[in-house]
């Protein structure tokens, strides 16, 4: 990563966040979770959880409900050995909560929506919470952890060159926390 335009303090923070974004992706990758977008979620989670999975943040009345959902989805993905972006990002969230140092700052579960699909991933760092919200406008120290795509990078480097089909879409923050570490 090139952080040459940042202060020494911000360089250190960006490097730490980048390292934990890498660790989040590599942890999920080490689990050998099988991914397919053809009916796996319904089989893995069952009908009632699948309906919750497809819900919007407005379907939940509190962050506690979303946190519980993240934990349940991660557990089911781990038990079943299967999951797409939603399940894999939940696994990364659980891993980061338990293992990352508090110094990395807030961790966010985010979703990108289009008329064709939704993609879930993780962001690390201070980011705007209101829409419109796009990673290219986030602080230079914010990082992306996308286990499903097996990529991690600075949010400001969000480009189609990395094979990210949704690079032009705004994001919604679904849930945030500070790591336990």
Protein backbone atom coordinates (compact mmCIF):
# COMPACT_ATOMS: atom_id res chain seq x y z
CA UNK A 1 0.00 0.00 0.00
CA UNK A 2 1.17 3.50 -0.74
CA UNK A 3 0.26 5.96 2.00
CA UNK A 4 2.86 8.60 1.11
CA UNK A 5 0.47 11.57 1.43
CA UNK A 6 -0.65 10.67 4.96
CA UNK A 7 0.74 11.84 8.28
CA UNK A 8 2.92 9.33 10.13
CA UNK A 9 0.04 8.62 12.54
CA UNK A 10 -2.42 8.02 9.68
CA UNK A 11 0.13 5.84 7.83
CA UNK A 12 0.42 3.63 10.90
CA UNK A 13 -3.38 3.40 11.30
CA UNK A 14 -3.93 2.70 7.59
CA UNK A 15 -1.27 -0.03 7.63
CA UNK A 16 -2.86 -1.63 10.72
CA UNK A 17 -6.33 -1.56 9.17
CA UNK A 18 -4.97 -2.94 5.89
CA UNK A 19 -3.32 -5.80 7.79
CA UNK A 20 -6.57 -6.66 9.59
CA UNK A 21 -8.57 -6.48 6.34
CA UNK A 22 -6.07 -9.01 4.93
CA UNK A 23 -6.39 -11.20 8.01
CA UNK A 24 -10.20 -11.13 7.77
CA UNK A 25 -10.13 -12.29 4.14
CA UNK A 26 -7.47 -14.92 4.81
CA UNK A 27 -9.33 -16.27 7.85
CA UNK A 28 -12.52 -16.82 5.87
CA UNK A 29 -10.53 -18.27 2.98
CA UNK A 30 -8.86 -20.74 5.39
CA UNK A 31 -12.29 -22.13 6.30
CA UNK A 32 -12.79 -23.39 2.72
CA UNK A 33 -16.37 -22.10 2.60
CA UNK A 34 -17.96 -23.19 -0.68
CA UNK A 35 -19.68 -20.42 -2.55
CA UNK A 36 -22.42 -20.68 -5.13
CA UNK A 37 -25.25 -18.33 -5.86
CA UNK A 38 -27.66 -21.04 -6.98
CA UNK A 39 -29.98 -21.93 -4.13
CA UNK A 40 -27.37 -22.56 -1.46
CA UNK A 41 -28.68 -19.95 0.95
CA UNK A 42 -32.12 -21.49 1.12
CA UNK A 43 -30.66 -24.95 1.87
CA UNK A 44 -28.05 -23.66 4.29
CA UNK A 45 -30.16 -21.31 6.36
CA UNK A 46 -33.67 -22.68 6.06
CA UNK A 47 -36.71 -20.71 4.88
CA UNK A 48 -37.17 -18.40 7.88
CA UNK A 49 -33.52 -17.34 8.17
CA UNK A 50 -33.27 -17.00 4.40
CA UNK A 51 -36.11 -14.48 4.46
CA UNK A 52 -34.31 -12.53 7.19
CA UNK A 53 -31.09 -12.70 5.18
CA UNK A 54 -32.78 -11.06 2.22
CA UNK A 55 -34.31 -8.35 4.39
CA UNK A 56 -33.21 -4.75 4.50
CA UNK A 57 -31.81 -2.96 7.57
CA UNK A 58 -35.28 -1.43 8.03
CA UNK A 59 -36.59 -4.93 8.87
CA UNK A 60 -34.63 -4.80 12.13
CA UNK A 61 -35.49 -2.57 15.05
CA UNK A 62 -32.07 -2.54 16.69
CA UNK A 63 -28.37 -3.19 16.16
CA UNK A 64 -28.78 -6.02 18.70
CA UNK A 65 -31.05 -7.85 16.24
CA UNK A 66 -28.58 -7.33 13.41
CA UNK A 67 -25.70 -8.47 15.62
CA UNK A 68 -27.61 -11.63 16.49
CA UNK A 69 -28.29 -12.23 12.81
CA UNK A 70 -24.59 -11.79 11.95
CA UNK A 71 -23.65 -14.37 14.59
CA UNK A 72 -26.33 -16.86 13.49
CA UNK A 73 -25.46 -16.54 9.80
CA UNK A 74 -21.73 -16.96 10.54
CA UNK A 75 -22.41 -20.03 12.68
CA UNK A 76 -24.62 -21.63 10.02
CA UNK A 77 -22.04 -20.93 7.29
CA UNK A 78 -19.30 -22.47 9.41
CA UNK A 79 -21.43 -25.55 10.23
CA UNK A 80 -22.56 -26.01 6.63
CA UNK A 81 -19.26 -25.09 4.97
CA UNK A 82 -21.17 -22.95 2.50
CA UNK A 83 -21.90 -19.30 1.98
CA UNK A 84 -21.82 -16.41 -0.41
CA UNK A 85 -20.89 -12.78 0.23
CA UNK A 86 -23.40 -12.33 3.06
CA UNK A 87 -22.29 -15.40 5.00
CA UNK A 88 -18.59 -14.83 4.34
CA UNK A 89 -18.75 -11.19 5.42
CA UNK A 90 -20.54 -12.31 8.62
CA UNK A 91 -17.69 -14.76 9.29
CA UNK A 92 -15.17 -11.94 8.82
CA UNK A 93 -17.18 -9.69 11.17
CA UNK A 94 -17.18 -12.33 13.93
CA UNK A 95 -13.45 -12.96 13.44
CA UNK A 96 -12.58 -9.25 13.54
CA UNK A 97 -14.75 -8.63 16.60
CA UNK A 98 -12.96 -11.35 18.57
CA UNK A 99 -9.40 -10.86 17.29
CA UNK A 100 -8.71 -7.36 15.99
CA UNK A 101 -7.28 -4.73 18.34
CA UNK A 102 -9.51 -1.85 19.41
CA UNK A 103 -6.96 0.47 17.79
CA UNK A 104 -8.29 -0.34 14.30
CA UNK A 105 -11.47 1.55 15.17
CA UNK A 106 -14.96 0.74 13.98
CA UNK A 107 -15.75 -2.26 11.78
CA UNK A 108 -18.80 -2.02 9.52
CA UNK A 109 -20.94 -4.57 7.73
CA UNK A 110 -21.98 -2.89 4.50
CA UNK A 111 -24.19 -3.72 1.54
CA UNK A 112 -24.16 -2.49 -2.02
CA UNK A 113 -27.48 -2.65 -3.83
CA UNK A 114 -28.45 -2.50 -7.46
CA UNK A 115 -31.60 -3.55 -9.26
CA UNK A 116 -29.86 -6.84 -10.11
CA UNK A 117 -28.04 -7.90 -6.96
CA UNK A 118 -26.82 -7.08 -3.47
CA UNK A 119 -23.26 -7.55 -2.30
CA UNK A 120 -22.19 -7.62 1.37
CA UNK A 121 -18.69 -6.91 2.64
CA UNK A 122 -16.77 -5.38 5.53
CA UNK A 123 -15.24 -1.92 5.94
CA UNK A 124 -12.70 -1.01 8.60
CA UNK A 125 -12.30 2.55 9.85
CA UNK A 126 -14.23 5.76 10.22
CA UNK A 127 -16.67 6.11 7.34
CA UNK A 128 -19.70 8.34 6.69
CA UNK A 129 -22.90 6.77 7.95
CA UNK A 130 -25.36 8.74 5.80
CA UNK A 131 -26.24 8.23 2.16
CA UNK A 132 -25.10 8.90 -0.46
CA UNK A 133 -22.06 7.02 0.61
CA UNK A 134 -19.27 5.74 -1.65
CA UNK A 135 -15.92 4.21 -0.68
CA UNK A 136 -14.02 6.45 -3.11
CA UNK A 137 -14.97 9.38 -0.85
CA UNK A 138 -14.05 7.76 2.47
CA UNK A 139 -11.01 8.74 4.52
CA UNK A 140 -7.65 7.47 3.26
CA UNK A 141 -7.32 5.24 6.33
CA UNK A 142 -10.55 3.26 5.64
CA UNK A 143 -10.08 -0.28 4.29
CA UNK A 144 -12.24 -2.86 2.50
CA UNK A 145 -12.32 -6.53 3.53
CA UNK A 146 -14.25 -8.58 0.96
CA UNK A 147 -13.90 -12.30 1.75
CA UNK A 148 -16.21 -13.44 -1.04
CA UNK A 149 -14.10 -11.64 -3.68
CA UNK A 150 -10.93 -12.56 -1.71
CA UNK A 151 -9.70 -8.98 -1.85
CA UNK A 152 -8.67 -6.32 0.64
CA UNK A 153 -7.65 -2.78 -0.22
CA UNK A 154 -7.92 0.87 0.70
CA UNK A 155 -11.50 2.06 0.22
CA UNK A 156 -10.22 4.91 -1.94
CA UNK A 157 -8.83 2.33 -4.37
CA UNK A 158 -12.30 0.99 -5.15
CA UNK A 159 -12.12 0.41 -8.91
CA UNK A 160 -13.47 -1.91 -11.56
CA UNK A 161 -9.84 -2.87 -12.29
CA UNK A 162 -9.99 -5.21 -9.29
CA UNK A 163 -12.93 -7.05 -10.81
CA UNK A 164 -15.41 -5.40 -8.49
CA UNK A 165 -18.56 -5.28 -10.61
CA UNK A 166 -20.31 -2.99 -8.14
CA UNK A 167 -17.61 -0.29 -7.89
CA UNK A 168 -19.98 2.47 -8.99
CA UNK A 169 -22.73 1.67 -6.45
CA UNK A 170 -23.29 3.53 -3.18
CA UNK A 171 -23.22 1.54 0.04
CA UNK A 172 -25.41 1.26 3.12
CA UNK A 173 -23.99 0.56 6.58
CA UNK A 174 -25.98 -2.30 8.11
CA UNK A 175 -24.14 -2.78 11.40
CA UNK A 176 -21.04 -1.44 13.16
CA UNK A 177 -18.99 -2.34 16.21
CA UNK A 178 -15.68 -1.70 17.95
CA UNK A 179 -13.46 -4.81 18.20
CA UNK A 180 -13.21 -6.58 21.57
CA UNK A 181 -9.39 -6.81 21.43
